Amino acid sequence: MKYLLVMLASYASTHYLVGLLIQGQLANIAEGLRHRPDAPTPGEYLREVRPQARRAHRQYTVMAGSALALVACLIASWFG
């Protein structure tokens, strides 16, 4: 049971942190587009990249969450 909780906590924290990083980068890029006259508006850009951002969010959450869960379970078994 403790391993299940460790895995859920690992995936939840990774999901949250990856989401913050991706949203921050998207906001930074959208803000940079305001200074370029030939670029699309930030709203258009965000509408176009939202599906790719969701897919990247899932993929990075699975990769980083798996690695974190593995390390956390190894540490839990070492101390448990």
PDB file of N, CA and C in Angstrom:
ATOM      1  N   MET A   1       0.812  -1.197   0.000  1.00  0.00           N
ATOM      2  CA  MET A   1       0.000   0.000   0.000  1.00  0.00           C
ATOM      3  C   MET A   1       0.857   1.265   0.000  1.00  0.00           C
ATOM      4  N   LYS A   2       1.980   1.206   0.733  1.00  0.00           N
ATOM      5  CA  LYS A   2       2.807   2.413   0.778  1.00  0.00           C
ATOM      6  C   LYS A   2       3.446   2.689  -0.578  1.00  0.00           C
ATOM      7  N   TYR A   3       3.741   1.634  -1.348  1.00  0.00           N
ATOM      8  CA  TYR A   3       4.314   1.845  -2.672  1.00  0.00           C
ATOM      9  C   TYR A   3       3.306   2.484  -3.624  1.00  0.00           C
ATOM     10  N   LEU A   4       2.063   2.103  -3.488  1.00  0.00           N
ATOM     11  CA  LEU A   4       1.016   2.718  -4.302  1.00  0.00           C
ATOM     12  C   LEU A   4       0.897   4.201  -3.982  1.00  0.00           C
ATOM     13  N   LEU A   5       0.935   4.532  -2.709  1.00  0.00           N
ATOM     14  CA  LEU A   5       0.864   5.946  -2.317  1.00  0.00           C
ATOM     15  C   LEU A   5       2.091   6.714  -2.792  1.00  0.00           C
ATOM     16  N   VAL A   6       3.254   6.083  -2.722  1.00  0.00           N
ATOM     17  CA  VAL A   6       4.480   6.732  -3.199  1.00  0.00           C
ATOM     18  C   VAL A   6       4.389   6.985  -4.700  1.00  0.00           C
ATOM     19  N   MET A   7       3.879   5.996  -5.447  1.00  0.00           N
ATOM     20  CA  MET A   7       3.747   6.166  -6.895  1.00  0.00           C
ATOM     21  C   MET A   7       2.731   7.250  -7.243  1.00  0.00           C
ATOM     22  N   LEU A   8       1.595   7.250  -6.560  1.00  0.00           N
ATOM     23  CA  LEU A   8       0.587   8.282  -6.818  1.00  0.00           C
ATOM     24  C   LEU A   8       1.118   9.676  -6.495  1.00  0.00           C
ATOM     25  N   ALA A   9       1.835   9.798  -5.393  1.00  0.00           N
ATOM     26  CA  ALA A   9       2.415  11.094  -5.033  1.00  0.00           C
ATOM     27  C   ALA A   9       3.463  11.521  -6.055  1.00  0.00           C
ATOM     28  N   SER A  10       4.238  10.571  -6.552  1.00  0.00           N
ATOM     29  CA  SER A  10       5.263  10.887  -7.547  1.00  0.00           C
ATOM     30  C   SER A  10       4.633  11.401  -8.838  1.00  0.00           C
ATOM     31  N   TYR A  11       3.625  10.684  -9.322  1.00  0.00           N
ATOM     32  CA  TYR A  11       2.976  11.115 -10.556  1.00  0.00           C
ATOM     33  C   TYR A  11       2.217  12.436 -10.371  1.00  0.00           C
ATOM     34  N   ALA A  12       1.582  12.607  -9.232  1.00  0.00           N
ATOM     35  CA  ALA A  12       0.837  13.844  -8.996  1.00  0.00           C
ATOM     36  C   ALA A  12       1.772  15.045  -8.929  1.00  0.00           C
ATOM     37  N   SER A  13       2.871  14.909  -8.214  1.00  0.00           N
ATOM     38  CA  SER A  13       3.797  16.036  -8.108  1.00  0.00           C
ATOM     39  C   SER A  13       4.470  16.321  -9.449  1.00  0.00           C
ATOM     40  N   THR A  14       4.794  15.281 -10.188  1.00  0.00           N
ATOM     41  CA  THR A  14       5.395  15.482 -11.501  1.00  0.00           C
ATOM     42  C   THR A  14       4.410  16.132 -12.460  1.00  0.00           C
ATOM     43  N   HIS A  15       3.152  15.709 -12.416  1.00  0.00           N
ATOM     44  CA  HIS A  15       2.120  16.304 -13.268  1.00  0.00           C
ATOM     45  C   HIS A  15       1.988  17.798 -12.980  1.00  0.00           C
ATOM     46  N   TYR A  16       1.990  18.156 -11.714  1.00  0.00           N
ATOM     47  CA  TYR A  16       1.860  19.553 -11.329  1.00  0.00           C
ATOM     48  C   TYR A  16       3.075  20.369 -11.786  1.00  0.00           C
ATOM     49  N   LEU A  17       4.278  19.862 -11.527  1.00  0.00           N
ATOM     50  CA  LEU A  17       5.482  20.616 -11.861  1.00  0.00           C
ATOM     51  C   LEU A  17       5.695  20.734 -13.372  1.00  0.00           C
ATOM     52  N   VAL A  18       5.438  19.664 -14.097  1.00  0.00           N
ATOM     53  CA  VAL A  18       5.574  19.723 -15.549  1.00  0.00           C
ATOM     54  C   VAL A  18       4.562  20.705 -16.131  1.00  0.00           C
ATOM     55  N   GLY A  19       3.356  20.703 -15.592  1.00  0.00           N
ATOM     56  CA  GLY A  19       2.342  21.654 -16.045  1.00  0.00           C
ATOM     57  C   GLY A  19       2.768  23.087 -15.819  1.00  0.00           C
ATOM     58  N   LEU A  20       3.348  23.354 -14.658  1.00  0.00           N
ATOM     59  CA  LEU A  20       3.832  24.710 -14.388  1.00  0.00           C
ATOM     60  C   LEU A  20       4.935  25.121 -15.359  1.00  0.00           C
ATOM     61  N   LEU A  21       5.856  24.214 -15.627  1.00  0.00           N
ATOM     62  CA  LEU A  21       6.958  24.532 -16.536  1.00  0.00           C
ATOM     63  C   LEU A  21       6.463  24.786 -17.960  1.00  0.00           C
ATOM     64  N   ILE A  22       5.570  23.940 -18.432  1.00  0.00           N
ATOM     65  CA  ILE A  22       5.076  24.105 -19.805  1.00  0.00           C
ATOM     66  C   ILE A  22       4.241  25.375 -19.926  1.00  0.00           C
ATOM     67  N   GLN A  23       3.362  25.621 -18.977  1.00  0.00           N
ATOM     68  CA  GLN A  23       2.548  26.835 -19.040  1.00  0.00           C
ATOM     69  C   GLN A  23       3.411  28.089 -18.938  1.00  0.00           C
ATOM     70  N   GLY A  24       4.446  28.036 -18.122  1.00  0.00           N
ATOM     71  CA  GLY A  24       5.356  29.175 -18.009  1.00  0.00           C
ATOM     72  C   GLY A  24       6.086  29.459 -19.305  1.00  0.00           C
ATOM     73  N   GLN A  25       6.549  28.402 -19.960  1.00  0.00           N
ATOM     74  CA  GLN A  25       7.240  28.584 -21.227  1.00  0.00           C
ATOM     75  C   GLN A  25       6.299  29.103 -22.308  1.00  0.00           C
ATOM     76  N   LEU A  26       5.076  28.580 -22.343  1.00  0.00           N
ATOM     77  CA  LEU A  26       4.109  29.069 -23.323  1.00  0.00           C
ATOM     78  C   LEU A  26       3.789  30.540 -23.093  1.00  0.00           C
ATOM     79  N   ALA A  27       3.638  30.931 -21.851  1.00  0.00           N
ATOM     80  CA  ALA A  27       3.361  32.337 -21.547  1.00  0.00           C
ATOM     81  C   ALA A  27       4.545  33.217 -21.932  1.00  0.00           C
ATOM     82  N   ASN A  28       5.751  32.721 -21.697  1.00  0.00           N
ATOM     83  CA  ASN A  28       6.945  33.479 -22.060  1.00  0.00           C
ATOM     84  C   ASN A  28       7.046  33.655 -23.572  1.00  0.00           C
ATOM     85  N   ILE A  29       6.774  32.600 -24.315  1.00  0.00           N
ATOM     86  CA  ILE A  29       6.818  32.685 -25.777  1.00  0.00           C
ATOM     87  C   ILE A  29       5.722  33.615 -26.291  1.00  0.00           C
ATOM     88  N   ALA A  30       4.517  33.486 -25.737  1.00  0.00           N
ATOM     89  CA  ALA A  30       3.411  34.346 -26.169  1.00  0.00           C
ATOM     90  C   ALA A  30       3.716  35.812 -25.877  1.00  0.00           C
ATOM     91  N   GLU A  31       4.362  36.077 -24.758  1.00  0.00           N
ATOM     92  CA  GLU A  31       4.732  37.453 -24.431  1.00  0.00           C
ATOM     93  C   GLU A  31       5.787  37.972 -25.407  1.00  0.00           C
ATOM     94  N   GLY A  32       6.705  37.113 -25.804  1.00  0.00           N
ATOM     95  CA  GLY A  32       7.730  37.513 -26.765  1.00  0.00           C
ATOM     96  C   GLY A  32       7.166  37.787 -28.148  1.00  0.00           C
ATOM     97  N   LEU A  33       6.046  37.161 -28.474  1.00  0.00           N
ATOM     98  CA  LEU A  33       5.432  37.382 -29.783  1.00  0.00           C
ATOM     99  C   LEU A  33       4.848  38.781 -29.916  1.00  0.00           C
ATOM    100  N   ARG A  34       4.549  39.409 -28.810  1.00  0.00           N
ATOM    101  CA  ARG A  34       3.963  40.760 -28.869  1.00  0.00           C
ATOM    102  C   ARG A  34       4.941  41.780 -29.436  1.00  0.00           C
ATOM    103  N   HIS A  35       6.217  41.492 -29.344  1.00  0.00           N
ATOM    104  CA  HIS A  35       7.236  42.444 -29.777  1.00  0.00           C
ATOM    105  C   HIS A  35       7.654  42.243 -31.234  1.00  0.00           C
ATOM    106  N   ARG A  36       7.058  41.258 -31.887  1.00  0.00           N
ATOM    107  CA  ARG A  36       7.400  40.992 -33.290  1.00  0.00           C
ATOM    108  C   ARG A  36       6.206  41.321 -34.169  1.00  0.00           C
ATOM    109  N   PRO A  37       6.386  42.206 -35.122  1.00  0.00           N
ATOM    110  CA  PRO A  37       5.246  42.606 -35.964  1.00  0.00           C
ATOM    111  C   PRO A  37       4.781  41.509 -36.930  1.00  0.00           C
ATOM    112  N   ASP A  38       5.666  40.595 -37.313  1.00  0.00           N
ATOM    113  CA  ASP A  38       5.299  39.565 -38.280  1.00  0.00           C
ATOM    114  C   ASP A  38       4.751  38.298 -37.625  1.00  0.00           C
ATOM    115  N   ALA A  39       4.695  38.253 -36.315  1.00  0.00           N
ATOM    116  CA  ALA A  39       4.250  37.059 -35.595  1.00  0.00           C
ATOM    117  C   ALA A  39       2.729  37.060 -35.417  1.00  0.00           C
ATOM    118  N   PRO A  40       2.157  35.865 -35.220  1.00  0.00           N
ATOM    119  CA  PRO A  40       0.713  35.821 -34.942  1.00  0.00           C
ATOM    120  C   PRO A  40       0.435  36.402 -33.557  1.00  0.00           C
ATOM    121  N   THR A  41      -0.815  36.676 -33.290  1.00  0.00           N
ATOM    122  CA  THR A  41      -1.159  37.185 -31.961  1.00  0.00           C
ATOM    123  C   THR A  41      -0.934  36.079 -30.934  1.00  0.00           C
ATOM    124  N   PRO A  42      -0.719  36.453 -29.676  1.00  0.00           N
ATOM    125  CA  PRO A  42      -0.509  35.420 -28.650  1.00  0.00           C
ATOM    126  C   PRO A  42      -1.672  34.440 -28.536  1.00  0.00           C
ATOM    127  N   GLY A  43      -2.897  34.913 -28.702  1.00  0.00           N
ATOM    128  CA  GLY A  43      -4.054  34.025 -28.638  1.00  0.00           C
ATOM    129  C   GLY A  43      -4.061  32.996 -29.755  1.00  0.00           C
ATOM    130  N   GLU A  44      -3.737  33.441 -30.971  1.00  0.00           N
ATOM    131  CA  GLU A  44      -3.667  32.506 -32.099  1.00  0.00           C
ATOM    132  C   GLU A  44      -2.576  31.467 -31.872  1.00  0.00           C
ATOM    133  N   TYR A  45      -1.431  31.932 -31.391  1.00  0.00           N
ATOM    134  CA  TYR A  45      -0.320  31.016 -31.140  1.00  0.00           C
ATOM    135  C   TYR A  45      -0.709  29.969 -30.099  1.00  0.00           C
ATOM    136  N   LEU A  46      -1.311  30.422 -29.014  1.00  0.00           N
ATOM    137  CA  LEU A  46      -1.682  29.488 -27.950  1.00  0.00           C
ATOM    138  C   LEU A  46      -2.740  28.491 -28.419  1.00  0.00           C
ATOM    139  N   ARG A  47      -3.676  28.926 -29.242  1.00  0.00           N
ATOM    140  CA  ARG A  47      -4.673  27.988 -29.790  1.00  0.00           C
ATOM    141  C   ARG A  47      -4.019  26.938 -30.672  1.00  0.00           C
ATOM    142  N   GLU A  48      -2.991  27.317 -31.407  1.00  0.00           N
ATOM    143  CA  GLU A  48      -2.328  26.379 -32.308  1.00  0.00           C
ATOM    144  C   GLU A  48      -1.451  25.375 -31.572  1.00  0.00           C
ATOM    145  N   VAL A  49      -0.808  25.798 -30.512  1.00  0.00           N
ATOM    146  CA  VAL A  49       0.139  24.900 -29.836  1.00  0.00           C
ATOM    147  C   VAL A  49      -0.466  24.171 -28.642  1.00  0.00           C
ATOM    148  N   ARG A  50      -1.701  24.478 -28.271  1.00  0.00           N
ATOM    149  CA  ARG A  50      -2.318  23.839 -27.106  1.00  0.00           C
ATOM    150  C   ARG A  50      -2.359  22.307 -27.214  1.00  0.00           C
ATOM    151  N   PRO A  51      -2.736  21.708 -28.368  1.00  0.00           N
ATOM    152  CA  PRO A  51      -2.734  20.237 -28.441  1.00  0.00           C
ATOM    153  C   PRO A  51      -1.330  19.633 -28.273  1.00  0.00           C
ATOM    154  N   GLN A  52      -0.335  20.267 -28.859  1.00  0.00           N
ATOM    155  CA  GLN A  52       1.028  19.769 -28.703  1.00  0.00           C
ATOM    156  C   GLN A  52       1.499  19.922 -27.256  1.00  0.00           C
ATOM    157  N   ALA A  53       1.087  20.991 -26.612  1.00  0.00           N
ATOM    158  CA  ALA A  53       1.477  21.200 -25.210  1.00  0.00           C
ATOM    159  C   ALA A  53       0.832  20.147 -24.315  1.00  0.00           C
ATOM    160  N   ARG A  54      -0.426  19.801 -24.589  1.00  0.00           N
ATOM    161  CA  ARG A  54      -1.081  18.755 -23.798  1.00  0.00           C
ATOM    162  C   ARG A  54      -0.394  17.408 -23.988  1.00  0.00           C
ATOM    163  N   ARG A  55      -0.020  17.103 -25.227  1.00  0.00           N
ATOM    164  CA  ARG A  55       0.654  15.838 -25.502  1.00  0.00           C
ATOM    165  C   ARG A  55       2.028  15.804 -24.822  1.00  0.00           C
ATOM    166  N   ALA A  56       2.757  16.909 -24.910  1.00  0.00           N
ATOM    167  CA  ALA A  56       4.064  16.981 -24.252  1.00  0.00           C
ATOM    168  C   ALA A  56       3.911  16.877 -22.740  1.00  0.00           C
ATOM    169  N   HIS A  57       2.867  17.480 -22.206  1.00  0.00           N
ATOM    170  CA  HIS A  57       2.611  17.415 -20.763  1.00  0.00           C
ATOM    171  C   HIS A  57       2.411  15.967 -20.327  1.00  0.00           C
ATOM    172  N   ARG A  58       1.604  15.221 -21.074  1.00  0.00           N
ATOM    173  CA  ARG A  58       1.387  13.808 -20.749  1.00  0.00           C
ATOM    174  C   ARG A  58       2.673  13.011 -20.864  1.00  0.00           C
ATOM    175  N   GLN A  59       3.414  13.201 -21.952  1.00  0.00           N
ATOM    176  CA  GLN A  59       4.618  12.414 -22.173  1.00  0.00           C
ATOM    177  C   GLN A  59       5.684  12.698 -21.114  1.00  0.00           C
ATOM    178  N   TYR A  60       5.913  13.960 -20.817  1.00  0.00           N
ATOM    179  CA  TYR A  60       6.919  14.292 -19.812  1.00  0.00           C
ATOM    180  C   TYR A  60       6.471  13.872 -18.416  1.00  0.00           C
ATOM    181  N   THR A  61       5.183  13.922 -18.147  1.00  0.00           N
ATOM    182  CA  THR A  61       4.692  13.470 -16.850  1.00  0.00           C
ATOM    183  C   THR A  61       4.928  11.978 -16.683  1.00  0.00           C
ATOM    184  N   VAL A  62       4.661  11.216 -17.725  1.00  0.00           N
ATOM    185  CA  VAL A  62       4.876   9.768 -17.638  1.00  0.00           C
ATOM    186  C   VAL A  62       6.356   9.449 -17.478  1.00  0.00           C
ATOM    187  N   MET A  63       7.209  10.103 -18.272  1.00  0.00           N
ATOM    188  CA  MET A  63       8.649   9.811 -18.182  1.00  0.00           C
ATOM    189  C   MET A  63       9.229  10.218 -16.832  1.00  0.00           C
ATOM    190  N   ALA A  64       9.009  11.459 -16.454  1.00  0.00           N
ATOM    191  CA  ALA A  64       9.586  11.948 -15.201  1.00  0.00           C
ATOM    192  C   ALA A  64       8.909  11.304 -13.995  1.00  0.00           C
ATOM    193  N   GLY A  65       7.598  11.067 -14.088  1.00  0.00           N
ATOM    194  CA  GLY A  65       6.885  10.421 -12.986  1.00  0.00           C
ATOM    195  C   GLY A  65       7.349   8.996 -12.768  1.00  0.00           C
ATOM    196  N   SER A  66       7.631   8.283 -13.849  1.00  0.00           N
ATOM    197  CA  SER A  66       8.137   6.918 -13.717  1.00  0.00           C
ATOM    198  C   SER A  66       9.510   6.900 -13.065  1.00  0.00           C
ATOM    199  N   ALA A  67      10.370   7.797 -13.492  1.00  0.00           N
ATOM    200  CA  ALA A  67      11.706   7.861 -12.896  1.00  0.00           C
ATOM    201  C   ALA A  67      11.627   8.244 -11.421  1.00  0.00           C
ATOM    202  N   LEU A  68      10.804   9.227 -11.104  1.00  0.00           N
ATOM    203  CA  LEU A  68      10.658   9.639  -9.710  1.00  0.00           C
ATOM    204  C   LEU A  68      10.026   8.545  -8.869  1.00  0.00           C
ATOM    205  N   ALA A  69       9.041   7.846  -9.418  1.00  0.00           N
ATOM    206  CA  ALA A  69       8.400   6.760  -8.684  1.00  0.00           C
ATOM    207  C   ALA A  69       9.385   5.629  -8.428  1.00  0.00           C
ATOM    208  N   LEU A  70      10.218   5.317  -9.407  1.00  0.00           N
ATOM    209  CA  LEU A  70      11.216   4.269  -9.228  1.00  0.00           C
ATOM    210  C   LEU A  70      12.187   4.625  -8.116  1.00  0.00           C
ATOM    211  N   VAL A  71      12.703   5.833  -8.161  1.00  0.00           N
ATOM    212  CA  VAL A  71      13.653   6.268  -7.129  1.00  0.00           C
ATOM    213  C   VAL A  71      12.969   6.324  -5.757  1.00  0.00           C
ATOM    214  N   ALA A  72      11.756   6.848  -5.710  1.00  0.00           N
ATOM    215  CA  ALA A  72      11.040   6.946  -4.432  1.00  0.00           C
ATOM    216  C   ALA A  72      10.706   5.570  -3.871  1.00  0.00           C
ATOM    217  N   CYS A  73      10.358   4.625  -4.725  1.00  0.00           N
ATOM    218  CA  CYS A  73      10.070   3.261  -4.235  1.00  0.00           C
ATOM    219  C   CYS A  73      11.350   2.575  -3.755  1.00  0.00           C
ATOM    220  N   LEU A  74      12.444   2.821  -4.448  1.00  0.00           N
ATOM    221  CA  LEU A  74      13.715   2.256  -3.981  1.00  0.00           C
ATOM    222  C   LEU A  74      14.113   2.825  -2.622  1.00  0.00           C
ATOM    223  N   ILE A  75      13.919   4.109  -2.453  1.00  0.00           N
ATOM    224  CA  ILE A  75      14.234   4.734  -1.160  1.00  0.00           C
ATOM    225  C   ILE A  75      13.280   4.218  -0.082  1.00  0.00           C
ATOM    226  N   ALA A  76      12.001   4.067  -0.414  1.00  0.00           N
ATOM    227  CA  ALA A  76      11.023   3.553   0.559  1.00  0.00           C
ATOM    228  C   ALA A  76      11.354   2.117   0.945  1.00  0.00           C
ATOM    229  N   SER A  77      11.811   1.300  -0.015  1.00  0.00           N
ATOM    230  CA  SER A  77      12.160  -0.073   0.328  1.00  0.00           C
ATOM    231  C   SER A  77      13.439  -0.129   1.148  1.00  0.00           C
ATOM    232  N   TRP A  78      14.342   0.821   0.916  1.00  0.00           N
ATOM    233  CA  TRP A  78      15.598   0.857   1.680  1.00  0.00           C
ATOM    234  C   TRP A  78      15.329   1.187   3.148  1.00  0.00           C
ATOM    235  N   PHE A  79      14.414   2.151   3.380  1.00  0.00           N
ATOM    236  CA  PHE A  79      14.107   2.548   4.748  1.00  0.00           C
ATOM    237  C   PHE A  79      12.992   1.717   5.371  1.00  0.00           C
ATOM    238  N   GLY A  80      12.211   1.040   4.541  1.00  0.00           N
ATOM    239  CA  GLY A  80      11.038   0.327   5.039  1.00  0.00           C
ATOM    240  C   GLY A  80      11.358  -1.043   5.485  1.00  0.00           C
TER     241      GLY A  80
END
